[in-house]
Amino acid sequence: MTGPMVTDMAEKAIKGVELADSFVQLGAIDLVDGMLTAFHNAQEETKDKEPLSSMQLMKAVTQKETREGMTLMISFLQNLPKQLNK
């Protein structure tokens, strides 16, 4: 291995450590754990059930929890391009 190859690998390793540190500082571990738990719970709740009817979907949209989740997802989708196009 040449010196530039070692330098390039070290730079990439440092960036990886910095990214992991950012994840931890932003609470990514708790966030991912919460998301996985929510997804698992949703899977368990809907296991062996028929999909919601149109009327059930409309009723679900009126529930506060559903609106909070949808608001979060819409905000995420609106912010995503801003972060990706930096």
N, C-alpha and C. Protein backbone atom coordinates (compact mmCIF):
# COMPACT_ATOMS: atom_id res chain seq x y z
N MET A 1 0.85 -1.18 0.00
CA MET A 1 0.00 0.00 0.00
C MET A 1 0.89 1.23 0.00
N THR A 2 0.41 2.20 -0.74
CA THR A 2 1.17 3.44 -0.84
C THR A 2 0.70 4.43 0.21
N GLY A 3 1.49 5.46 0.41
CA GLY A 3 1.15 6.50 1.37
C GLY A 3 -0.19 7.16 1.07
N PRO A 4 -0.45 7.55 -0.19
CA PRO A 4 -1.74 8.16 -0.50
C PRO A 4 -2.93 7.24 -0.24
N MET A 5 -2.74 5.93 -0.44
CA MET A 5 -3.83 4.98 -0.18
C MET A 5 -4.15 4.94 1.31
N VAL A 6 -3.09 4.93 2.14
CA VAL A 6 -3.28 4.90 3.59
C VAL A 6 -3.94 6.19 4.05
N THR A 7 -3.51 7.32 3.49
CA THR A 7 -4.09 8.62 3.84
C THR A 7 -5.57 8.66 3.47
N ASP A 8 -5.90 8.17 2.28
CA ASP A 8 -7.29 8.15 1.83
C ASP A 8 -8.15 7.27 2.74
N MET A 9 -7.64 6.12 3.13
CA MET A 9 -8.38 5.22 4.02
C MET A 9 -8.55 5.85 5.40
N ALA A 10 -7.52 6.52 5.89
CA ALA A 10 -7.61 7.16 7.20
C ALA A 10 -8.64 8.29 7.18
N GLU A 11 -8.66 9.07 6.09
CA GLU A 11 -9.64 10.16 5.96
C GLU A 11 -11.06 9.61 5.96
N LYS A 12 -11.28 8.51 5.25
CA LYS A 12 -12.61 7.90 5.21
C LYS A 12 -13.00 7.35 6.57
N ALA A 13 -12.05 6.77 7.27
CA ALA A 13 -12.34 6.23 8.61
C ALA A 13 -12.70 7.37 9.56
N ILE A 14 -12.00 8.48 9.47
CA ILE A 14 -12.29 9.64 10.33
C ILE A 14 -13.68 10.18 10.02
N LYS A 15 -14.03 10.28 8.74
CA LYS A 15 -15.38 10.74 8.38
C LYS A 15 -16.44 9.79 8.91
N GLY A 16 -16.16 8.50 8.88
CA GLY A 16 -17.11 7.52 9.41
C GLY A 16 -17.31 7.67 10.91
N VAL A 17 -16.22 7.91 11.63
CA VAL A 17 -16.31 8.12 13.08
C VAL A 17 -17.07 9.41 13.38
N GLU A 18 -16.80 10.47 12.61
CA GLU A 18 -17.51 11.74 12.81
C GLU A 18 -19.00 11.57 12.55
N LEU A 19 -19.35 10.80 11.51
CA LEU A 19 -20.76 10.56 11.20
C LEU A 19 -21.43 9.77 12.31
N ALA A 20 -20.75 8.75 12.81
CA ALA A 20 -21.30 7.96 13.92
C ALA A 20 -21.49 8.83 15.16
N ASP A 21 -20.55 9.73 15.41
CA ASP A 21 -20.67 10.63 16.55
C ASP A 21 -21.86 11.57 16.37
N SER A 22 -22.06 12.06 15.17
CA SER A 22 -23.22 12.92 14.89
C SER A 22 -24.52 12.16 15.14
N PHE A 23 -24.58 10.92 14.69
CA PHE A 23 -25.77 10.09 14.92
C PHE A 23 -26.08 9.98 16.40
N VAL A 24 -25.06 9.70 17.19
CA VAL A 24 -25.25 9.53 18.63
C VAL A 24 -25.69 10.85 19.26
N GLN A 25 -25.05 11.96 18.88
CA GLN A 25 -25.39 13.25 19.45
C GLN A 25 -26.82 13.68 19.11
N LEU A 26 -27.29 13.30 17.93
CA LEU A 26 -28.64 13.66 17.50
C LEU A 26 -29.69 12.70 18.05
N GLY A 27 -29.27 11.71 18.82
CA GLY A 27 -30.22 10.77 19.42
C GLY A 27 -30.70 9.70 18.46
N ALA A 28 -29.88 9.38 17.47
CA ALA A 28 -30.29 8.41 16.46
C ALA A 28 -30.56 7.03 17.04
N ILE A 29 -29.82 6.66 18.07
CA ILE A 29 -30.01 5.32 18.63
C ILE A 29 -31.40 5.20 19.24
N ASP A 30 -31.80 6.19 20.03
CA ASP A 30 -33.14 6.17 20.62
C ASP A 30 -34.21 6.31 19.55
N LEU A 31 -33.93 7.15 18.54
CA LEU A 31 -34.89 7.36 17.45
C LEU A 31 -35.13 6.06 16.68
N VAL A 32 -34.06 5.39 16.32
CA VAL A 32 -34.18 4.14 15.56
C VAL A 32 -34.87 3.08 16.41
N ASP A 33 -34.51 3.01 17.68
CA ASP A 33 -35.15 2.05 18.57
C ASP A 33 -36.65 2.31 18.64
N GLY A 34 -37.03 3.57 18.79
CA GLY A 34 -38.45 3.92 18.85
C GLY A 34 -39.17 3.60 17.54
N MET A 35 -38.52 3.88 16.41
CA MET A 35 -39.13 3.60 15.11
C MET A 35 -39.31 2.10 14.91
N LEU A 36 -38.30 1.33 15.29
CA LEU A 36 -38.41 -0.13 15.14
C LEU A 36 -39.50 -0.69 16.04
N THR A 37 -39.59 -0.17 17.26
CA THR A 37 -40.63 -0.62 18.18
C THR A 37 -42.01 -0.28 17.63
N ALA A 38 -42.17 0.95 17.12
CA ALA A 38 -43.46 1.36 16.54
C ALA A 38 -43.82 0.49 15.35
N PHE A 39 -42.84 0.19 14.49
CA PHE A 39 -43.10 -0.65 13.33
C PHE A 39 -43.48 -2.06 13.76
N HIS A 40 -42.76 -2.60 14.74
CA HIS A 40 -43.08 -3.94 15.24
C HIS A 40 -44.49 -3.98 15.82
N ASN A 41 -44.83 -2.96 16.63
CA ASN A 41 -46.18 -2.90 17.21
C ASN A 41 -47.24 -2.83 16.13
N ALA A 42 -46.98 -2.03 15.09
CA ALA A 42 -47.93 -1.91 13.99
C ALA A 42 -48.11 -3.25 13.27
N GLN A 43 -47.01 -3.97 13.09
CA GLN A 43 -47.10 -5.28 12.47
C GLN A 43 -47.95 -6.23 13.31
N GLU A 44 -47.72 -6.21 14.60
CA GLU A 44 -48.48 -7.10 15.50
C GLU A 44 -49.96 -6.73 15.52
N GLU A 45 -50.26 -5.42 15.53
CA GLU A 45 -51.65 -4.97 15.58
C GLU A 45 -52.41 -5.31 14.31
N THR A 46 -51.73 -5.36 13.17
CA THR A 46 -52.41 -5.59 11.90
C THR A 46 -52.28 -7.02 11.40
N LYS A 47 -51.57 -7.84 12.14
CA LYS A 47 -51.37 -9.23 11.74
C LYS A 47 -52.71 -9.94 11.63
N ASP A 48 -52.92 -10.61 10.52
CA ASP A 48 -54.14 -11.38 10.26
C ASP A 48 -55.41 -10.53 10.26
N LYS A 49 -55.27 -9.24 9.97
CA LYS A 49 -56.45 -8.36 9.87
C LYS A 49 -56.62 -7.90 8.43
N GLU A 50 -57.84 -7.62 8.09
CA GLU A 50 -58.14 -7.06 6.77
C GLU A 50 -57.68 -5.60 6.73
N PRO A 51 -57.32 -5.11 5.54
CA PRO A 51 -56.98 -3.68 5.43
C PRO A 51 -58.19 -2.82 5.83
N LEU A 52 -57.90 -1.60 6.29
CA LEU A 52 -58.99 -0.70 6.67
C LEU A 52 -59.83 -0.34 5.46
N SER A 53 -61.12 -0.20 5.70
CA SER A 53 -62.02 0.26 4.64
C SER A 53 -61.82 1.76 4.45
N SER A 54 -62.42 2.29 3.40
CA SER A 54 -62.34 3.73 3.15
C SER A 54 -62.89 4.53 4.32
N MET A 55 -64.00 4.07 4.87
CA MET A 55 -64.60 4.78 6.00
C MET A 55 -63.70 4.70 7.23
N GLN A 56 -63.09 3.55 7.47
CA GLN A 56 -62.19 3.40 8.60
C GLN A 56 -60.95 4.29 8.44
N LEU A 57 -60.48 4.41 7.20
CA LEU A 57 -59.35 5.30 6.94
C LEU A 57 -59.72 6.75 7.22
N MET A 58 -60.90 7.15 6.79
CA MET A 58 -61.36 8.52 7.03
C MET A 58 -61.46 8.78 8.54
N LYS A 59 -61.97 7.81 9.27
CA LYS A 59 -62.09 7.96 10.72
C LYS A 59 -60.71 8.05 11.36
N ALA A 60 -59.77 7.25 10.87
CA ALA A 60 -58.42 7.26 11.42
C ALA A 60 -57.75 8.62 11.23
N VAL A 61 -58.03 9.28 10.11
CA VAL A 61 -57.44 10.59 9.83
C VAL A 61 -57.92 11.64 10.82
N THR A 62 -59.08 11.44 11.41
CA THR A 62 -59.58 12.42 12.37
C THR A 62 -58.98 12.23 13.76
N GLN A 63 -58.27 11.14 13.98
CA GLN A 63 -57.66 10.90 15.29
C GLN A 63 -56.38 11.71 15.44
N LYS A 64 -56.19 12.27 16.64
CA LYS A 64 -55.05 13.14 16.91
C LYS A 64 -53.72 12.44 16.62
N GLU A 65 -53.58 11.20 17.07
CA GLU A 65 -52.32 10.48 16.88
C GLU A 65 -51.99 10.31 15.40
N THR A 66 -53.00 10.01 14.60
CA THR A 66 -52.79 9.84 13.17
C THR A 66 -52.35 11.16 12.55
N ARG A 67 -53.02 12.25 12.92
CA ARG A 67 -52.66 13.56 12.38
C ARG A 67 -51.25 13.96 12.80
N GLU A 68 -50.87 13.64 14.04
CA GLU A 68 -49.51 13.95 14.49
C GLU A 68 -48.48 13.19 13.66
N GLY A 69 -48.73 11.92 13.42
CA GLY A 69 -47.82 11.12 12.61
C GLY A 69 -47.74 11.62 11.18
N MET A 70 -48.88 11.97 10.61
CA MET A 70 -48.91 12.47 9.24
C MET A 70 -48.21 13.82 9.15
N THR A 71 -48.39 14.67 10.15
CA THR A 71 -47.73 15.97 10.16
C THR A 71 -46.21 15.79 10.21
N LEU A 72 -45.74 14.86 11.04
CA LEU A 72 -44.31 14.58 11.13
C LEU A 72 -43.78 14.08 9.79
N MET A 73 -44.49 13.16 9.16
CA MET A 73 -44.03 12.61 7.88
C MET A 73 -44.02 13.68 6.78
N ILE A 74 -45.02 14.54 6.75
CA ILE A 74 -45.06 15.60 5.74
C ILE A 74 -43.92 16.58 5.96
N SER A 75 -43.67 16.94 7.22
CA SER A 75 -42.55 17.83 7.52
C SER A 75 -41.23 17.20 7.11
N PHE A 76 -41.08 15.91 7.39
CA PHE A 76 -39.87 15.18 6.98
C PHE A 76 -39.70 15.24 5.47
N LEU A 77 -40.78 14.96 4.73
CA LEU A 77 -40.70 14.97 3.27
C LEU A 77 -40.38 16.36 2.73
N GLN A 78 -40.88 17.40 3.39
CA GLN A 78 -40.59 18.76 2.95
C GLN A 78 -39.15 19.15 3.23
N ASN A 79 -38.59 18.64 4.32
CA ASN A 79 -37.21 18.98 4.68
C ASN A 79 -36.17 18.13 3.97
N LEU A 80 -36.55 16.96 3.52
CA LEU A 80 -35.60 16.04 2.91
C LEU A 80 -34.86 16.64 1.71
N PRO A 81 -35.53 17.24 0.74
CA PRO A 81 -34.80 17.80 -0.41
C PRO A 81 -33.84 18.91 0.00
N LYS A 82 -34.22 19.70 1.00
CA LYS A 82 -33.33 20.78 1.45
C LYS A 82 -32.01 20.21 1.93
N GLN A 83 -32.08 19.10 2.66
CA GLN A 83 -30.86 18.49 3.20
C GLN A 83 -30.07 17.75 2.14
N LEU A 84 -30.77 17.12 1.21
CA LEU A 84 -30.09 16.35 0.18
C LEU A 84 -29.43 17.24 -0.87
N ASN A 85 -29.96 18.45 -1.05
CA ASN A 85 -29.43 19.36 -2.08
C ASN A 85 -28.41 20.35 -1.53
N LYS A 86 -27.91 20.11 -0.32
CA LYS A 86 -26.88 21.01 0.24
C LYS A 86 -25.59 20.91 -0.53
